[in-house]
């Protein structure tokens, strides 16, 4: 029971402060789960990150579920996922209610203004730590660098990781002469639930891919919401902490009130729980296989390369003024100079500075 409480508290806290997208969320989890609590080795955390990048669904939510399963079994899997999602879903639901009443979004941009550059420091710190573990030879350095350059150049993130993994599996096994041995029934059939279940089951890639899915299904095909409502929903998903897929909660509320919010949320997140439940036990077995182990090594460095590429792109779009540059610099210095600083203070500090600087 104590372990489950520990899981609940940790992932609820992360759900409250996890701004900045999947790369930032995973960086925060690495700091909490590997560095501070030592629930698992950094090698195994990397394996989970790499494997998660190859299945549909929100990567950071699935990593929370992986960590919960590793620490607390099936109950840990459920508790970690629910607690990580819950803050974003509740906050998004509240904002959706006021949006219906007043037709506009609240003025929360000044706070987000400072959080975005601040979380860059958290991501960079994680990239350095994970990169050191993933980098097991010059061949992996080449693969990771190529993936980073590809992502910056606009190459699809999932395709980059998969290509890196396949190339690494062949290349590393060819040069490695030391090989090792042998190789539900749904509660409802609501159309709203089914639409979001389908999206959750096939969604790969970034928030921009999510927008394309939602626009195709909900605006063009079904006509449930307008283009303007979709953009407002995506904005709320970006503003609130936790996974951007909480956008589903906002849209569900627009379509069918509280019941719609619940159905849409369940639909879009349920596949992630099922995918992780199937994938998690396979990762250690993959590591024992000579070929699949090399594939994982290459996927891991590719995942770090993707994080690096995304961070570079994120920096270019986030640090657009001296104010955001100063917030990013202060945050990076804090991470470097204060070894055990809690990421919560980075987020709070960035938010406060952003609020102040937005009026200068």
Protein backbone atom coordinates (compact mmCIF):
# COMPACT_ATOMS: atom_id res chain seq x y z
CA UNK A 1 0.00 0.00 0.00
CA UNK A 2 2.85 2.39 0.81
CA UNK A 3 4.40 1.79 -2.62
CA UNK A 4 1.10 2.58 -4.36
CA UNK A 5 0.71 5.77 -2.33
CA UNK A 6 4.24 6.78 -3.31
CA UNK A 7 3.40 6.19 -6.98
CA UNK A 8 0.16 8.18 -6.68
CA UNK A 9 1.80 11.18 -5.00
CA UNK A 10 4.72 11.31 -7.43
CA UNK A 11 2.73 11.12 -10.64
CA UNK A 12 0.00 13.44 -9.40
CA UNK A 13 2.74 15.98 -8.65
CA UNK A 14 4.27 15.47 -12.09
CA UNK A 15 0.84 15.84 -13.64
CA UNK A 16 0.54 19.25 -11.96
CA UNK A 17 3.90 20.62 -13.13
CA UNK A 18 4.56 18.75 -16.38
CA UNK A 19 4.65 21.63 -18.85
CA UNK A 20 6.66 21.74 -22.06
CA UNK A 21 5.59 18.64 -23.97
CA UNK A 22 6.66 14.96 -23.90
CA UNK A 23 10.41 15.62 -23.90
CA UNK A 24 10.09 17.78 -20.78
CA UNK A 25 7.72 15.30 -19.11
CA UNK A 26 10.11 12.38 -19.69
CA UNK A 27 13.02 14.49 -18.43
CA UNK A 28 11.11 15.16 -15.20
CA UNK A 29 10.29 11.46 -14.80
CA UNK A 30 13.93 10.50 -15.31
CA UNK A 31 14.96 12.92 -12.59
CA UNK A 32 12.37 11.58 -10.14
CA UNK A 33 12.33 7.87 -10.95
CA UNK A 34 16.01 7.20 -11.76
CA UNK A 35 18.11 9.92 -10.12
CA UNK A 36 16.18 10.61 -6.92
CA UNK A 37 14.25 7.44 -6.11
CA UNK A 38 16.32 4.85 -8.01
CA UNK A 39 13.28 2.76 -8.87
CA UNK A 40 15.10 1.46 -11.95
CA UNK A 41 18.45 1.80 -13.69
CA UNK A 42 18.99 4.50 -16.28
CA UNK A 43 19.64 1.72 -18.82
CA UNK A 44 16.19 0.22 -18.25
CA UNK A 45 14.54 3.66 -18.29
CA UNK A 46 16.20 4.24 -21.67
CA UNK A 47 14.92 0.91 -22.96
CA UNK A 48 11.38 1.90 -21.97
CA UNK A 49 11.73 5.31 -23.61
CA UNK A 50 12.99 3.74 -26.82
CA UNK A 51 10.26 1.08 -26.92
CA UNK A 52 7.53 3.61 -26.09
CA UNK A 53 8.50 5.73 -29.08
CA UNK A 54 7.57 2.84 -31.36
CA UNK A 55 3.95 2.40 -30.23
CA UNK A 56 0.94 4.70 -30.72
CA UNK A 57 -0.18 7.09 -28.00
CA UNK A 58 1.23 9.91 -25.87
CA UNK A 59 4.83 9.00 -25.00
CA UNK A 60 5.00 10.75 -21.63
CA UNK A 61 1.73 9.21 -20.42
CA UNK A 62 2.95 5.78 -21.50
CA UNK A 63 6.26 6.33 -19.69
CA UNK A 64 4.32 7.19 -16.52
CA UNK A 65 2.38 3.94 -16.94
CA UNK A 66 5.62 1.99 -17.55
CA UNK A 67 7.20 3.43 -14.40
CA UNK A 68 4.10 2.65 -12.34
CA UNK A 69 4.02 -0.94 -13.61
CA UNK A 70 7.73 -1.43 -12.88
CA UNK A 71 7.35 -0.13 -9.33
CA UNK A 72 3.91 -1.41 -8.32
CA UNK A 73 2.70 -4.03 -10.79
CA UNK A 74 -0.78 -3.85 -12.33
CA UNK A 75 -2.14 -1.49 -9.68
CA UNK A 76 0.92 0.71 -10.07
CA UNK A 77 0.32 0.80 -13.82
CA UNK A 78 -3.24 2.07 -13.37
CA UNK A 79 -2.47 4.49 -10.52
CA UNK A 80 0.54 6.11 -12.24
CA UNK A 81 -1.35 6.64 -15.48
CA UNK A 82 -4.51 7.98 -13.86
CA UNK A 83 -2.66 10.28 -11.45
CA UNK A 84 -0.49 11.71 -14.23
CA UNK A 85 -3.50 12.38 -16.46
CA UNK A 86 -5.92 13.57 -13.76
CA UNK A 87 -4.65 17.14 -13.09
CA UNK A 88 -4.69 18.04 -16.79
CA UNK A 89 -8.11 16.47 -17.32
CA UNK A 90 -9.70 18.21 -14.33
CA UNK A 91 -8.17 21.60 -15.18
CA UNK A 92 -9.13 21.24 -18.83
CA UNK A 93 -12.67 20.28 -17.83
CA UNK A 94 -12.99 23.38 -15.64
CA UNK A 95 -11.67 25.60 -18.44
CA UNK A 96 -14.09 23.93 -20.87
CA UNK A 97 -16.99 24.80 -18.55
CA UNK A 98 -16.02 28.48 -18.44
CA UNK A 99 -15.42 28.45 -22.18
CA UNK A 100 -19.00 27.29 -22.72
CA UNK A 101 -20.27 30.00 -20.35
CA UNK A 102 -18.21 32.93 -21.64
CA UNK A 103 -16.94 31.86 -25.06
CA UNK A 104 -13.30 32.90 -24.46
CA UNK A 105 -10.13 31.45 -22.96
CA UNK A 106 -8.71 32.81 -19.67
CA UNK A 107 -5.62 35.06 -19.71
CA UNK A 108 -3.04 32.49 -18.58
CA UNK A 109 -0.50 33.11 -21.35
CA UNK A 110 1.78 35.35 -19.18
CA UNK A 111 2.48 32.41 -16.85
CA UNK A 112 3.15 29.98 -19.71
CA UNK A 113 5.45 32.58 -21.29
CA UNK A 114 8.12 31.85 -18.67
CA UNK A 115 7.52 28.13 -18.20
CA UNK A 116 8.39 27.23 -21.79
CA UNK A 117 11.99 28.53 -21.75
CA UNK A 118 12.50 27.27 -18.18
CA UNK A 119 11.71 23.64 -19.06
CA UNK A 120 14.41 23.72 -21.74
CA UNK A 121 16.92 23.39 -18.88
CA UNK A 122 15.15 20.28 -17.57
CA UNK A 123 15.16 18.65 -21.01
CA UNK A 124 18.83 19.48 -21.66
CA UNK A 125 19.86 17.96 -18.31
CA UNK A 126 17.97 14.74 -19.13
CA UNK A 127 19.45 14.54 -22.63
CA UNK A 128 22.97 14.75 -21.16
CA UNK A 129 22.30 12.02 -18.57
CA UNK A 130 20.43 9.69 -20.92
CA UNK A 131 22.90 10.34 -23.72
CA UNK A 132 25.85 9.26 -21.57
CA UNK A 133 24.13 5.93 -20.90
CA UNK A 134 22.92 5.40 -24.44
CA UNK A 135 26.26 6.22 -26.06
CA UNK A 136 28.05 2.85 -26.06
CA UNK A 137 30.29 3.34 -29.07
CA UNK A 138 31.12 5.58 -32.02
CA UNK A 139 28.61 3.76 -34.21
CA UNK A 140 25.78 4.77 -31.87
CA UNK A 141 27.15 8.32 -31.85
CA UNK A 142 26.84 8.38 -35.64
CA UNK A 143 23.28 7.03 -35.52
CA UNK A 144 22.21 9.46 -32.79
CA UNK A 145 23.72 12.43 -34.61
CA UNK A 146 22.08 11.43 -37.87
CA UNK A 147 18.68 11.15 -36.16
CA UNK A 148 19.13 14.55 -34.52
CA UNK A 149 19.99 16.17 -37.86
CA UNK A 150 17.08 14.37 -39.53
CA UNK A 151 14.55 15.59 -36.97
CA UNK A 152 15.83 19.18 -37.21
CA UNK A 153 15.49 18.88 -40.98
CA UNK A 154 11.84 17.83 -40.67
CA UNK A 155 12.14 14.03 -40.85
CA UNK A 156 9.29 12.22 -39.09
CA UNK A 157 10.28 11.41 -35.48
CA UNK A 158 8.85 7.88 -35.41
CA UNK A 159 10.39 7.03 -38.79
CA UNK A 160 13.74 8.42 -37.59
CA UNK A 161 13.74 6.22 -34.48
CA UNK A 162 12.66 3.13 -36.42
CA UNK A 163 15.29 3.69 -39.12
CA UNK A 164 17.94 4.28 -36.48
CA UNK A 165 16.95 1.07 -34.70
CA UNK A 166 16.95 -1.08 -37.83
CA UNK A 167 20.26 0.31 -39.11
CA UNK A 168 21.81 -0.13 -35.67
CA UNK A 169 20.52 -3.70 -35.31
CA UNK A 170 22.21 -4.74 -38.56
CA UNK A 171 25.36 -2.61 -38.25
CA UNK A 172 26.10 -3.44 -34.61
CA UNK A 173 25.42 -7.15 -35.00
CA UNK A 174 27.63 -7.38 -38.09
CA UNK A 175 30.60 -5.83 -36.28
CA UNK A 176 29.90 -7.51 -32.92
CA UNK A 177 31.81 -10.78 -32.83
CA UNK A 178 31.20 -11.36 -29.15
CA UNK A 179 27.48 -12.15 -29.40
CA UNK A 180 25.72 -13.72 -26.46
CA UNK A 181 24.10 -17.11 -26.89
CA UNK A 182 20.58 -17.60 -28.38
CA UNK A 183 18.38 -15.62 -29.50
CA UNK A 184 -12.67 -5.89 -22.90
CA UNK A 185 -15.90 -5.35 -23.11
CA UNK A 186 -16.56 -1.54 -23.38
CA UNK A 187 -18.80 0.26 -20.88
CA UNK A 188 -20.36 2.20 -23.73
CA UNK A 189 -20.55 2.20 -27.48
CA UNK A 190 -21.05 5.95 -27.63
CA UNK A 191 -19.88 7.32 -31.01
CA UNK A 192 -17.91 9.98 -29.10
CA UNK A 193 -16.06 7.30 -27.12
CA UNK A 194 -15.35 5.24 -30.24
CA UNK A 195 -14.00 8.20 -32.22
CA UNK A 196 -11.50 9.07 -29.49
CA UNK A 197 -10.67 5.39 -28.92
CA UNK A 198 -9.73 5.13 -32.60
CA UNK A 199 -7.57 8.26 -32.43
CA UNK A 200 -5.81 7.03 -29.27
CA UNK A 201 -5.12 3.66 -30.88
CA UNK A 202 -3.45 4.99 -34.04
CA UNK A 203 -1.94 8.34 -32.97
CA UNK A 204 1.78 8.62 -33.60
CA UNK A 205 3.86 11.78 -33.47
CA UNK A 206 3.47 15.28 -32.07
CA UNK A 207 0.57 17.52 -31.14
CA UNK A 208 0.41 18.68 -34.74
CA UNK A 209 -0.50 15.15 -35.80
CA UNK A 210 -3.24 15.15 -33.15
CA UNK A 211 -4.66 18.36 -34.65
CA UNK A 212 -4.81 16.72 -38.07
CA UNK A 213 -6.66 13.69 -36.67
CA UNK A 214 -9.14 15.82 -34.72
CA UNK A 215 -9.80 18.13 -37.65
CA UNK A 216 -10.39 15.26 -40.03
CA UNK A 217 -12.73 13.38 -37.69
CA UNK A 218 -14.55 16.04 -35.69
CA UNK A 219 -14.64 19.10 -37.95
CA UNK A 220 -14.72 17.80 -41.51
CA UNK A 221 -16.26 14.33 -41.19
CA UNK A 222 -18.68 14.63 -38.26
CA UNK A 223 -19.12 18.41 -37.91
CA UNK A 224 -19.32 18.17 -34.10
CA UNK A 225 -17.15 21.27 -33.53
CA UNK A 226 -15.95 24.23 -35.56
CA UNK A 227 -12.40 24.99 -36.66
CA UNK A 228 -12.28 27.82 -34.11
CA UNK A 229 -13.38 25.53 -31.28
CA UNK A 230 -10.72 22.97 -32.28
CA UNK A 231 -7.96 25.59 -32.17
CA UNK A 232 -9.15 26.79 -28.76
CA UNK A 233 -9.19 23.19 -27.52
CA UNK A 234 -5.62 22.62 -28.71
CA UNK A 235 -4.54 25.88 -27.06
CA UNK A 236 -5.99 24.67 -23.75
CA UNK A 237 -4.14 21.37 -24.16
CA UNK A 238 -0.89 23.29 -24.65
CA UNK A 239 -1.49 25.70 -21.75
CA UNK A 240 -2.37 23.09 -19.15
CA UNK A 241 0.21 20.75 -17.57
CA UNK A 242 0.39 17.06 -18.42
CA UNK A 243 -0.34 15.36 -21.76
CA UNK A 244 -1.67 17.48 -24.63
CA UNK A 245 -4.24 14.75 -25.23
CA UNK A 246 -6.28 16.36 -22.45
CA UNK A 247 -7.55 18.35 -25.46
CA UNK A 248 -10.00 15.44 -25.76
CA UNK A 249 -11.58 16.40 -22.42
CA UNK A 250 -12.21 19.95 -23.66
CA UNK A 251 -13.75 18.77 -26.93
CA UNK A 252 -15.87 16.09 -25.24
CA UNK A 253 -17.31 18.76 -22.94
CA UNK A 254 -18.20 20.94 -25.94
CA UNK A 255 -20.00 18.06 -27.63
CA UNK A 256 -21.79 16.33 -24.74
CA UNK A 257 -21.12 18.12 -21.45
CA UNK A 258 -19.58 16.31 -18.49
CA UNK A 259 -20.51 12.88 -19.85
CA UNK A 260 -18.83 13.73 -23.16
CA UNK A 261 -15.68 14.90 -21.37
CA UNK A 262 -15.46 11.59 -19.50
CA UNK A 263 -16.12 9.46 -22.60
CA UNK A 264 -13.62 11.33 -24.78
CA UNK A 265 -10.94 11.17 -22.07
CA UNK A 266 -11.43 7.45 -21.50
CA UNK A 267 -11.42 6.76 -25.23
CA UNK A 268 -8.20 8.57 -26.10
CA UNK A 269 -6.13 7.33 -23.13
CA UNK A 270 -7.37 3.72 -22.81
CA UNK A 271 -5.20 2.34 -25.68
CA UNK A 272 -2.03 3.62 -23.95
CA UNK A 273 -2.76 1.51 -20.85
CA UNK A 274 -3.34 -1.57 -23.02
CA UNK A 275 -0.24 -1.03 -25.19
CA UNK A 276 2.02 -0.57 -22.16
CA UNK A 277 0.56 -3.62 -20.42
CA UNK A 278 1.48 -5.70 -23.48
CA UNK A 279 4.86 -4.07 -24.15
CA UNK A 280 6.39 -3.75 -20.68
CA UNK A 281 7.02 -7.49 -20.03
CA UNK A 282 8.60 -7.85 -23.49
CA UNK A 283 11.33 -5.22 -23.04
CA UNK A 284 13.57 -7.32 -20.69
CA UNK A 285 13.18 -10.29 -23.06
CA UNK A 286 14.21 -8.11 -26.01
CA UNK A 287 17.31 -7.07 -24.06
CA UNK A 288 18.33 -10.75 -23.69
CA UNK A 289 18.26 -11.33 -27.45
CA UNK A 290 21.49 -10.51 -29.32
CA UNK A 291 19.77 -8.90 -32.33
CA UNK A 292 16.97 -7.21 -30.43
CA UNK A 293 19.41 -5.93 -27.82
CA UNK A 294 21.36 -4.12 -30.54
CA UNK A 295 18.07 -2.87 -31.95
CA UNK A 296 17.18 -1.44 -28.53
CA UNK A 297 20.62 0.19 -28.21
CA UNK A 298 20.13 1.92 -31.55
CA UNK A 299 16.53 2.86 -30.76
CA UNK A 300 17.65 4.34 -27.43
CA UNK A 301 20.30 6.59 -28.95
CA UNK A 302 17.82 7.49 -31.67
CA UNK A 303 15.27 8.48 -29.01
CA UNK A 304 17.90 10.69 -27.36
CA UNK A 305 18.65 12.12 -30.81
CA UNK A 306 14.97 12.90 -31.30
CA UNK A 307 14.86 14.63 -27.90
CA UNK A 308 17.90 16.68 -28.88
CA UNK A 309 16.42 17.61 -32.25
CA UNK A 310 13.07 18.54 -30.71
CA UNK A 311 14.86 20.61 -28.05
CA UNK A 312 16.82 22.54 -30.67
CA UNK A 313 13.63 23.24 -32.62
CA UNK A 314 11.80 24.12 -29.42
CA UNK A 315 14.58 26.52 -28.43
CA UNK A 316 14.32 28.31 -31.77
CA UNK A 317 10.57 28.84 -31.35
CA UNK A 318 10.63 29.53 -27.60
CA UNK A 319 13.63 31.81 -27.09
CA UNK A 320 12.41 34.71 -29.23
CA UNK A 321 13.28 37.69 -27.00
CA UNK A 322 15.80 38.77 -24.40
CA UNK A 323 13.24 37.96 -21.68
CA UNK A 324 12.76 34.33 -22.73
CA UNK A 325 16.51 34.00 -23.34
CA UNK A 326 17.25 35.24 -19.83
CA UNK A 327 14.71 32.85 -18.28
CA UNK A 328 16.26 29.94 -20.19
CA UNK A 329 19.78 30.97 -19.13
CA UNK A 330 18.81 31.34 -15.45
CA UNK A 331 17.09 27.94 -15.52
CA UNK A 332 20.08 26.21 -17.14
CA UNK A 333 22.46 27.76 -14.60
CA UNK A 334 20.16 26.65 -11.77
CA UNK A 335 20.21 23.05 -13.03
CA UNK A 336 24.02 23.11 -13.42
CA UNK A 337 24.89 24.86 -10.16
CA UNK A 338 22.23 23.42 -7.86
CA UNK A 339 22.73 19.68 -8.31
CA UNK A 340 19.63 18.44 -6.51
CA UNK A 341 17.19 21.21 -7.42
CA UNK A 342 13.61 20.00 -7.71
CA UNK A 343 12.08 20.52 -11.15
CA UNK A 344 9.05 22.01 -9.39
CA UNK A 345 11.11 25.10 -8.54
CA UNK A 346 12.26 25.43 -12.14
CA UNK A 347 8.64 25.47 -13.30
CA UNK A 348 7.48 27.86 -10.56
CA UNK A 349 10.47 30.16 -11.06
CA UNK A 350 9.99 30.25 -14.83
CA UNK A 351 6.28 30.96 -14.43
CA UNK A 352 6.93 33.85 -12.02
CA UNK A 353 9.64 35.39 -14.19
CA UNK A 354 7.45 34.99 -17.25
CA UNK A 355 4.59 36.82 -15.56
CA UNK A 356 6.91 39.68 -14.57
CA UNK A 357 8.76 39.90 -17.90
CA UNK A 358 5.57 39.75 -19.99
CA UNK A 359 4.71 43.24 -18.70
CA UNK A 360 8.16 44.72 -19.40
